[in-house]
Amino acid sequence: MSKKLNSDPASPAPAAPGATAHRSFEEAMAELAALVTQMESGQLPLEASVAAYARGSELVKYCAGQLDKVESQVKILEGDMLKPFADEVQA
């Protein structure tokens, strides 16, 4: 017996565990935001809430990993020295 997490057809469908490997960062963030909205509504049954939490945890790990990769690329481009944006320097 499976429970559907999304009742709204316009919201992203939950992906299978591990399916984040071929997604974009933006898609993963959008799915995570949709899960948070569903969970905050308090309308999900307990089993669906647990499944949504598990999926959200996977998405957070994926997004954090993507951000780490980008930070590494920026460090390489900047000679291993991150520089603040001009706006941050003037503040």
PDB file of N, CA and C in Angstrom:
ATOM      1  N   MET A   1       0.848  -1.170   0.000  1.00  0.00           N
ATOM      2  CA  MET A   1       0.000   0.000   0.000  1.00  0.00           C
ATOM      3  C   MET A   1       0.892   1.231   0.000  1.00  0.00           C
ATOM      4  N   SER A   2       0.761   2.054  -1.042  1.00  0.00           N
ATOM      5  CA  SER A   2       1.586   3.252  -1.105  1.00  0.00           C
ATOM      6  C   SER A   2       0.712   4.480  -0.942  1.00  0.00           C
ATOM      7  N   LYS A   3       1.276   5.483  -0.327  1.00  0.00           N
ATOM      8  CA  LYS A   3       0.565   6.737  -0.121  1.00  0.00           C
ATOM      9  C   LYS A   3       1.170   7.782  -1.020  1.00  0.00           C
ATOM     10  N   LYS A   4       0.332   8.586  -1.609  1.00  0.00           N
ATOM     11  CA  LYS A   4       0.792   9.651  -2.485  1.00  0.00           C
ATOM     12  C   LYS A   4       1.106  10.882  -1.646  1.00  0.00           C
ATOM     13  N   LEU A   5       2.296  11.454  -1.840  1.00  0.00           N
ATOM     14  CA  LEU A   5       2.692  12.632  -1.081  1.00  0.00           C
ATOM     15  C   LEU A   5       2.075  13.900  -1.636  1.00  0.00           C
ATOM     16  N   ASN A   6       1.921  13.971  -2.942  1.00  0.00           N
ATOM     17  CA  ASN A   6       1.420  15.186  -3.571  1.00  0.00           C
ATOM     18  C   ASN A   6      -0.003  14.992  -4.041  1.00  0.00           C
ATOM     19  N   SER A   7      -0.904  15.842  -3.608  1.00  0.00           N
ATOM     20  CA  SER A   7      -2.252  15.804  -4.147  1.00  0.00           C
ATOM     21  C   SER A   7      -2.406  16.855  -5.236  1.00  0.00           C
ATOM     22  N   ASP A   8      -1.491  17.784  -5.329  1.00  0.00           N
ATOM     23  CA  ASP A   8      -1.525  18.838  -6.325  1.00  0.00           C
ATOM     24  C   ASP A   8      -0.774  18.379  -7.568  1.00  0.00           C
ATOM     25  N   PRO A   9      -1.456  18.240  -8.716  1.00  0.00           N
ATOM     26  CA  PRO A   9      -0.777  17.755  -9.915  1.00  0.00           C
ATOM     27  C   PRO A   9       0.279  18.722 -10.435  1.00  0.00           C
ATOM     28  N   ALA A  10       0.228  19.997 -10.053  1.00  0.00           N
ATOM     29  CA  ALA A  10       1.217  20.964 -10.515  1.00  0.00           C
ATOM     30  C   ALA A  10       2.516  20.883  -9.721  1.00  0.00           C
ATOM     31  N   SER A  11       2.486  20.268  -8.551  1.00  0.00           N
ATOM     32  CA  SER A  11       3.701  20.183  -7.748  1.00  0.00           C
ATOM     33  C   SER A  11       4.530  19.001  -8.203  1.00  0.00           C
ATOM     34  N   PRO A  12       5.844  19.049  -7.967  1.00  0.00           N
ATOM     35  CA  PRO A  12       6.715  17.979  -8.435  1.00  0.00           C
ATOM     36  C   PRO A  12       6.379  16.653  -7.772  1.00  0.00           C
ATOM     37  N   ALA A  13       6.440  15.604  -8.556  1.00  0.00           N
ATOM     38  CA  ALA A  13       6.180  14.267  -8.025  1.00  0.00           C
ATOM     39  C   ALA A  13       7.399  13.805  -7.258  1.00  0.00           C
ATOM     40  N   PRO A  14       7.208  13.042  -6.195  1.00  0.00           N
ATOM     41  CA  PRO A  14       8.369  12.554  -5.462  1.00  0.00           C
ATOM     42  C   PRO A  14       9.165  11.596  -6.329  1.00  0.00           C
ATOM     43  N   ALA A  15      10.455  11.733  -6.289  1.00  0.00           N
ATOM     44  CA  ALA A  15      11.316  10.858  -7.077  1.00  0.00           C
ATOM     45  C   ALA A  15      11.742   9.684  -6.220  1.00  0.00           C
ATOM     46  N   ALA A  16      12.197   8.663  -6.884  1.00  0.00           N
ATOM     47  CA  ALA A  16      12.663   7.480  -6.176  1.00  0.00           C
ATOM     48  C   ALA A  16      13.940   7.824  -5.420  1.00  0.00           C
ATOM     49  N   PRO A  17      14.205   7.124  -4.310  1.00  0.00           N
ATOM     50  CA  PRO A  17      15.439   7.380  -3.572  1.00  0.00           C
ATOM     51  C   PRO A  17      16.650   7.263  -4.480  1.00  0.00           C
ATOM     52  N   GLY A  18      17.574   8.189  -4.343  1.00  0.00           N
ATOM     53  CA  GLY A  18      18.784   8.174  -5.151  1.00  0.00           C
ATOM     54  C   GLY A  18      18.593   8.801  -6.521  1.00  0.00           C
ATOM     55  N   ALA A  19      17.385   9.254  -6.841  1.00  0.00           N
ATOM     56  CA  ALA A  19      17.112   9.812  -8.159  1.00  0.00           C
ATOM     57  C   ALA A  19      17.661  11.222  -8.312  1.00  0.00           C
ATOM     58  N   THR A  20      18.245  11.768  -7.265  1.00  0.00           N
ATOM     59  CA  THR A  20      18.763  13.131  -7.334  1.00  0.00           C
ATOM     60  C   THR A  20      20.046  13.219  -8.144  1.00  0.00           C
ATOM     61  N   ALA A  21      20.690  12.120  -8.451  1.00  0.00           N
ATOM     62  CA  ALA A  21      21.980  12.139  -9.132  1.00  0.00           C
ATOM     63  C   ALA A  21      21.913  12.817 -10.495  1.00  0.00           C
ATOM     64  N   HIS A  22      20.794  12.749 -11.177  1.00  0.00           N
ATOM     65  CA  HIS A  22      20.698  13.315 -12.519  1.00  0.00           C
ATOM     66  C   HIS A  22      19.791  14.538 -12.576  1.00  0.00           C
ATOM     67  N   ARG A  23      19.512  15.133 -11.434  1.00  0.00           N
ATOM     68  CA  ARG A  23      18.655  16.308 -11.373  1.00  0.00           C
ATOM     69  C   ARG A  23      19.512  17.556 -11.284  1.00  0.00           C
ATOM     70  N   SER A  24      18.907  18.673 -11.599  1.00  0.00           N
ATOM     71  CA  SER A  24      19.620  19.927 -11.403  1.00  0.00           C
ATOM     72  C   SER A  24      19.424  20.383  -9.960  1.00  0.00           C
ATOM     73  N   PHE A  25      20.298  21.247  -9.518  1.00  0.00           N
ATOM     74  CA  PHE A  25      20.206  21.825  -8.186  1.00  0.00           C
ATOM     75  C   PHE A  25      18.855  22.529  -8.024  1.00  0.00           C
ATOM     76  N   GLU A  26      18.457  23.268  -9.049  1.00  0.00           N
ATOM     77  CA  GLU A  26      17.206  24.024  -8.988  1.00  0.00           C
ATOM     78  C   GLU A  26      15.998  23.103  -8.867  1.00  0.00           C
ATOM     79  N   GLU A  27      15.991  21.987  -9.587  1.00  0.00           N
ATOM     80  CA  GLU A  27      14.888  21.027  -9.487  1.00  0.00           C
ATOM     81  C   GLU A  27      14.821  20.419  -8.097  1.00  0.00           C
ATOM     82  N   ALA A  28      15.975  20.092  -7.554  1.00  0.00           N
ATOM     83  CA  ALA A  28      16.014  19.510  -6.209  1.00  0.00           C
ATOM     84  C   ALA A  28      15.518  20.513  -5.177  1.00  0.00           C
ATOM     85  N   MET A  29      15.911  21.773  -5.304  1.00  0.00           N
ATOM     86  CA  MET A  29      15.453  22.803  -4.371  1.00  0.00           C
ATOM     87  C   MET A  29      13.940  23.021  -4.492  1.00  0.00           C
ATOM     88  N   ALA A  30      13.423  22.979  -5.715  1.00  0.00           N
ATOM     89  CA  ALA A  30      11.980  23.147  -5.912  1.00  0.00           C
ATOM     90  C   ALA A  30      11.212  21.991  -5.274  1.00  0.00           C
ATOM     91  N   GLU A  31      11.714  20.773  -5.445  1.00  0.00           N
ATOM     92  CA  GLU A  31      11.055  19.622  -4.828  1.00  0.00           C
ATOM     93  C   GLU A  31      11.120  19.730  -3.304  1.00  0.00           C
ATOM     94  N   LEU A  32      12.264  20.152  -2.788  1.00  0.00           N
ATOM     95  CA  LEU A  32      12.414  20.312  -1.339  1.00  0.00           C
ATOM     96  C   LEU A  32      11.443  21.365  -0.806  1.00  0.00           C
ATOM     97  N   ALA A  33      11.311  22.478  -1.507  1.00  0.00           N
ATOM     98  CA  ALA A  33      10.378  23.523  -1.081  1.00  0.00           C
ATOM     99  C   ALA A  33       8.938  23.002  -1.075  1.00  0.00           C
ATOM    100  N   ALA A  34       8.583  22.205  -2.080  1.00  0.00           N
ATOM    101  CA  ALA A  34       7.234  21.635  -2.143  1.00  0.00           C
ATOM    102  C   ALA A  34       7.003  20.679  -0.976  1.00  0.00           C
ATOM    103  N   LEU A  35       8.017  19.880  -0.643  1.00  0.00           N
ATOM    104  CA  LEU A  35       7.889  18.957   0.492  1.00  0.00           C
ATOM    105  C   LEU A  35       7.714  19.712   1.801  1.00  0.00           C
ATOM    106  N   VAL A  36       8.481  20.765   1.970  1.00  0.00           N
ATOM    107  CA  VAL A  36       8.381  21.566   3.199  1.00  0.00           C
ATOM    108  C   VAL A  36       6.985  22.168   3.316  1.00  0.00           C
ATOM    109  N   THR A  37       6.462  22.692   2.216  1.00  0.00           N
ATOM    110  CA  THR A  37       5.116  23.281   2.224  1.00  0.00           C
ATOM    111  C   THR A  37       4.081  22.237   2.619  1.00  0.00           C
ATOM    112  N   GLN A  38       4.196  21.037   2.044  1.00  0.00           N
ATOM    113  CA  GLN A  38       3.260  19.962   2.370  1.00  0.00           C
ATOM    114  C   GLN A  38       3.353  19.582   3.839  1.00  0.00           C
ATOM    115  N   MET A  39       4.565  19.460   4.334  1.00  0.00           N
ATOM    116  CA  MET A  39       4.741  19.054   5.724  1.00  0.00           C
ATOM    117  C   MET A  39       4.248  20.139   6.679  1.00  0.00           C
ATOM    118  N   GLU A  40       4.507  21.392   6.348  1.00  0.00           N
ATOM    119  CA  GLU A  40       4.070  22.488   7.209  1.00  0.00           C
ATOM    120  C   GLU A  40       2.560  22.637   7.233  1.00  0.00           C
ATOM    121  N   SER A  41       1.886  22.155   6.200  1.00  0.00           N
ATOM    122  CA  SER A  41       0.427  22.269   6.158  1.00  0.00           C
ATOM    123  C   SER A  41      -0.237  21.402   7.220  1.00  0.00           C
ATOM    124  N   GLY A  42       0.471  20.361   7.668  1.00  0.00           N
ATOM    125  CA  GLY A  42      -0.079  19.468   8.674  1.00  0.00           C
ATOM    126  C   GLY A  42      -1.140  18.525   8.148  1.00  0.00           C
ATOM    127  N   GLN A  43      -1.289  18.439   6.838  1.00  0.00           N
ATOM    128  CA  GLN A  43      -2.335  17.615   6.248  1.00  0.00           C
ATOM    129  C   GLN A  43      -1.855  16.227   5.839  1.00  0.00           C
ATOM    130  N   LEU A  44      -0.568  15.973   5.917  1.00  0.00           N
ATOM    131  CA  LEU A  44      -0.045  14.662   5.520  1.00  0.00           C
ATOM    132  C   LEU A  44      -0.252  13.644   6.635  1.00  0.00           C
ATOM    133  N   PRO A  45      -0.638  12.422   6.271  1.00  0.00           N
ATOM    134  CA  PRO A  45      -0.702  11.359   7.276  1.00  0.00           C
ATOM    135  C   PRO A  45       0.710  11.059   7.794  1.00  0.00           C
ATOM    136  N   LEU A  46       0.789  10.392   8.919  1.00  0.00           N
ATOM    137  CA  LEU A  46       2.082  10.124   9.548  1.00  0.00           C
ATOM    138  C   LEU A  46       3.054   9.426   8.604  1.00  0.00           C
ATOM    139  N   GLU A  47       2.615   8.372   7.935  1.00  0.00           N
ATOM    140  CA  GLU A  47       3.511   7.622   7.035  1.00  0.00           C
ATOM    141  C   GLU A  47       4.027   8.502   5.899  1.00  0.00           C
ATOM    142  N   ALA A  48       3.146   9.329   5.350  1.00  0.00           N
ATOM    143  CA  ALA A  48       3.554  10.226   4.275  1.00  0.00           C
ATOM    144  C   ALA A  48       4.512  11.295   4.792  1.00  0.00           C
ATOM    145  N   SER A  49       4.307  11.748   6.013  1.00  0.00           N
ATOM    146  CA  SER A  49       5.217  12.735   6.613  1.00  0.00           C
ATOM    147  C   SER A  49       6.610  12.156   6.792  1.00  0.00           C
ATOM    148  N   VAL A  50       6.675  10.910   7.240  1.00  0.00           N
ATOM    149  CA  VAL A  50       7.974  10.254   7.418  1.00  0.00           C
ATOM    150  C   VAL A  50       8.665  10.087   6.064  1.00  0.00           C
ATOM    151  N   ALA A  51       7.907   9.682   5.049  1.00  0.00           N
ATOM    152  CA  ALA A  51       8.472   9.528   3.706  1.00  0.00           C
ATOM    153  C   ALA A  51       8.937  10.875   3.156  1.00  0.00           C
ATOM    154  N   ALA A  52       8.161  11.912   3.383  1.00  0.00           N
ATOM    155  CA  ALA A  52       8.537  13.250   2.920  1.00  0.00           C
ATOM    156  C   ALA A  52       9.799  13.725   3.635  1.00  0.00           C
ATOM    157  N   TYR A  53       9.891  13.447   4.921  1.00  0.00           N
ATOM    158  CA  TYR A  53      11.083  13.831   5.684  1.00  0.00           C
ATOM    159  C   TYR A  53      12.321  13.113   5.141  1.00  0.00           C
ATOM    160  N   ALA A  54      12.184  11.817   4.868  1.00  0.00           N
ATOM    161  CA  ALA A  54      13.311  11.039   4.336  1.00  0.00           C
ATOM    162  C   ALA A  54      13.742  11.575   2.974  1.00  0.00           C
ATOM    163  N   ARG A  55      12.772  11.870   2.123  1.00  0.00           N
ATOM    164  CA  ARG A  55      13.082  12.407   0.802  1.00  0.00           C
ATOM    165  C   ARG A  55      13.730  13.781   0.936  1.00  0.00           C
ATOM    166  N   GLY A  56      13.205  14.598   1.823  1.00  0.00           N
ATOM    167  CA  GLY A  56      13.786  15.915   2.040  1.00  0.00           C
ATOM    168  C   GLY A  56      15.225  15.827   2.513  1.00  0.00           C
ATOM    169  N   SER A  57      15.501  14.859   3.363  1.00  0.00           N
ATOM    170  CA  SER A  57      16.865  14.654   3.844  1.00  0.00           C
ATOM    171  C   SER A  57      17.801  14.298   2.688  1.00  0.00           C
ATOM    172  N   GLU A  58      17.336  13.446   1.782  1.00  0.00           N
ATOM    173  CA  GLU A  58      18.137  13.094   0.596  1.00  0.00           C
ATOM    174  C   GLU A  58      18.402  14.331  -0.260  1.00  0.00           C
ATOM    175  N   LEU A  59      17.368  15.134  -0.441  1.00  0.00           N
ATOM    176  CA  LEU A  59      17.507  16.334  -1.258  1.00  0.00           C
ATOM    177  C   LEU A  59      18.465  17.339  -0.629  1.00  0.00           C
ATOM    178  N   VAL A  60      18.407  17.494   0.687  1.00  0.00           N
ATOM    179  CA  VAL A  60      19.325  18.408   1.375  1.00  0.00           C
ATOM    180  C   VAL A  60      20.770  17.941   1.182  1.00  0.00           C
ATOM    181  N   LYS A  61      21.003  16.643   1.328  1.00  0.00           N
ATOM    182  CA  LYS A  61      22.362  16.106   1.133  1.00  0.00           C
ATOM    183  C   LYS A  61      22.834  16.346  -0.291  1.00  0.00           C
ATOM    184  N   TYR A  62      21.951  16.115  -1.255  1.00  0.00           N
ATOM    185  CA  TYR A  62      22.305  16.322  -2.659  1.00  0.00           C
ATOM    186  C   TYR A  62      22.651  17.793  -2.910  1.00  0.00           C
ATOM    187  N   CYS A  63      21.802  18.705  -2.447  1.00  0.00           N
ATOM    188  CA  CYS A  63      22.035  20.135  -2.673  1.00  0.00           C
ATOM    189  C   CYS A  63      23.311  20.608  -1.983  1.00  0.00           C
ATOM    190  N   ALA A  64      23.552  20.131  -0.771  1.00  0.00           N
ATOM    191  CA  ALA A  64      24.785  20.503  -0.060  1.00  0.00           C
ATOM    192  C   ALA A  64      26.003  20.006  -0.832  1.00  0.00           C
ATOM    193  N   GLY A  65      25.914  18.812  -1.368  1.00  0.00           N
ATOM    194  CA  GLY A  65      27.014  18.273  -2.170  1.00  0.00           C
ATOM    195  C   GLY A  65      27.263  19.100  -3.416  1.00  0.00           C
ATOM    196  N   GLN A  66      26.176  19.526  -4.066  1.00  0.00           N
ATOM    197  CA  GLN A  66      26.317  20.360  -5.261  1.00  0.00           C
ATOM    198  C   GLN A  66      26.963  21.698  -4.917  1.00  0.00           C
ATOM    199  N   LEU A  67      26.558  22.285  -3.798  1.00  0.00           N
ATOM    200  CA  LEU A  67      27.157  23.554  -3.375  1.00  0.00           C
ATOM    201  C   LEU A  67      28.640  23.386  -3.050  1.00  0.00           C
ATOM    202  N   ASP A  68      28.998  22.262  -2.425  1.00  0.00           N
ATOM    203  CA  ASP A  68      30.410  21.989  -2.133  1.00  0.00           C
ATOM    204  C   ASP A  68      31.219  21.887  -3.426  1.00  0.00           C
ATOM    205  N   LYS A  69      30.649  21.220  -4.442  1.00  0.00           N
ATOM    206  CA  LYS A  69      31.338  21.094  -5.736  1.00  0.00           C
ATOM    207  C   LYS A  69      31.572  22.462  -6.363  1.00  0.00           C
ATOM    208  N   VAL A  70      30.549  23.293  -6.332  1.00  0.00           N
ATOM    209  CA  VAL A  70      30.670  24.625  -6.925  1.00  0.00           C
ATOM    210  C   VAL A  70      31.699  25.455  -6.160  1.00  0.00           C
ATOM    211  N   GLU A  71      31.689  25.348  -4.831  1.00  0.00           N
ATOM    212  CA  GLU A  71      32.670  26.087  -4.034  1.00  0.00           C
ATOM    213  C   GLU A  71      34.086  25.649  -4.405  1.00  0.00           C
ATOM    214  N   SER A  72      34.276  24.354  -4.600  1.00  0.00           N
ATOM    215  CA  SER A  72      35.598  23.851  -5.001  1.00  0.00           C
ATOM    216  C   SER A  72      36.007  24.410  -6.354  1.00  0.00           C
ATOM    217  N   GLN A  73      35.056  24.478  -7.277  1.00  0.00           N
ATOM    218  CA  GLN A  73      35.353  25.028  -8.603  1.00  0.00           C
ATOM    219  C   GLN A  73      35.715  26.498  -8.509  1.00  0.00           C
ATOM    220  N   VAL A  74      35.018  27.241  -7.669  1.00  0.00           N
ATOM    221  CA  VAL A  74      35.308  28.668  -7.502  1.00  0.00           C
ATOM    222  C   VAL A  74      36.695  28.843  -6.891  1.00  0.00           C
ATOM    223  N   LYS A  75      37.027  28.005  -5.910  1.00  0.00           N
ATOM    224  CA  LYS A  75      38.359  28.092  -5.297  1.00  0.00           C
ATOM    225  C   LYS A  75      39.448  27.852  -6.330  1.00  0.00           C
ATOM    226  N   ILE A  76      39.224  26.893  -7.214  1.00  0.00           N
ATOM    227  CA  ILE A  76      40.202  26.618  -8.263  1.00  0.00           C
ATOM    228  C   ILE A  76      40.326  27.826  -9.188  1.00  0.00           C
ATOM    229  N   LEU A  77      39.190  28.395  -9.570  1.00  0.00           N
ATOM    230  CA  LEU A  77      39.201  29.554 -10.465  1.00  0.00           C
ATOM    231  C   LEU A  77      39.833  30.778  -9.816  1.00  0.00           C
ATOM    232  N   GLU A  78      39.687  30.909  -8.505  1.00  0.00           N
ATOM    233  CA  GLU A  78      40.212  32.064  -7.792  1.00  0.00           C
ATOM    234  C   GLU A  78      41.573  31.781  -7.152  1.00  0.00           C
ATOM    235  N   GLY A  79      42.213  30.691  -7.503  1.00  0.00           N
ATOM    236  CA  GLY A  79      43.514  30.383  -6.938  1.00  0.00           C
ATOM    237  C   GLY A  79      43.434  29.994  -5.479  1.00  0.00           C
ATOM    238  N   ASP A  80      42.424  29.218  -5.098  1.00  0.00           N
ATOM    239  CA  ASP A  80      42.220  28.710  -3.741  1.00  0.00           C
ATOM    240  C   ASP A  80      42.005  29.826  -2.719  1.00  0.00           C
ATOM    241  N   MET A  81      41.536  30.968  -3.199  1.00  0.00           N
ATOM    242  CA  MET A  81      41.302  32.086  -2.285  1.00  0.00           C
ATOM    243  C   MET A  81      39.964  32.724  -2.638  1.00  0.00           C
ATOM    244  N   LEU A  82      38.940  32.456  -1.839  1.00  0.00           N
ATOM    245  CA  LEU A  82      37.629  33.035  -2.099  1.00  0.00           C
ATOM    246  C   LEU A  82      37.664  34.523  -1.804  1.00  0.00           C
ATOM    247  N   LYS A  83      37.104  35.294  -2.715  1.00  0.00           N
ATOM    248  CA  LYS A  83      37.083  36.742  -2.552  1.00  0.00           C
ATOM    249  C   LYS A  83      35.647  37.193  -2.343  1.00  0.00           C
ATOM    250  N   PRO A  84      35.399  38.152  -1.458  1.00  0.00           N
ATOM    251  CA  PRO A  84      34.029  38.649  -1.254  1.00  0.00           C
ATOM    252  C   PRO A  84      33.563  39.438  -2.466  1.00  0.00           C
ATOM    253  N   PHE A  85      32.241  39.464  -2.663  1.00  0.00           N
ATOM    254  CA  PHE A  85      31.680  40.287  -3.718  1.00  0.00           C
ATOM    255  C   PHE A  85      31.911  41.748  -3.378  1.00  0.00           C
ATOM    256  N   ALA A  86      31.913  42.612  -4.377  1.00  0.00           N
ATOM    257  CA  ALA A  86      32.160  44.036  -4.157  1.00  0.00           C
ATOM    258  C   ALA A  86      31.144  44.637  -3.194  1.00  0.00           C
ATOM    259  N   ASP A  87      29.874  44.194  -3.264  1.00  0.00           N
ATOM    260  CA  ASP A  87      28.843  44.716  -2.371  1.00  0.00           C
ATOM    261  C   ASP A  87      29.163  44.415  -0.916  1.00  0.00           C
ATOM    262  N   GLU A  88      29.718  43.239  -0.638  1.00  0.00           N
ATOM    263  CA  GLU A  88      30.034  42.837   0.735  1.00  0.00           C
ATOM    264  C   GLU A  88      31.210  43.628   1.284  1.00  0.00           C
ATOM    265  N   VAL A  89      32.142  44.030   0.436  1.00  0.00           N
ATOM    266  CA  VAL A  89      33.306  44.767   0.877  1.00  0.00           C
ATOM    267  C   VAL A  89      32.897  46.175   1.328  1.00  0.00           C
ATOM    268  N   GLN A  90      31.950  46.794   0.611  1.00  0.00           N
ATOM    269  CA  GLN A  90      31.531  48.156   0.922  1.00  0.00           C
ATOM    270  C   GLN A  90      30.626  48.224   2.130  1.00  0.00           C
ATOM    271  N   ALA A  91      29.974  47.131   2.491  1.00  0.00           N
ATOM    272  CA  ALA A  91      29.012  47.133   3.610  1.00  0.00           C
ATOM    273  C   ALA A  91      29.661  47.307   4.940  1.00  0.00           C
TER     274      ALA A  91
END
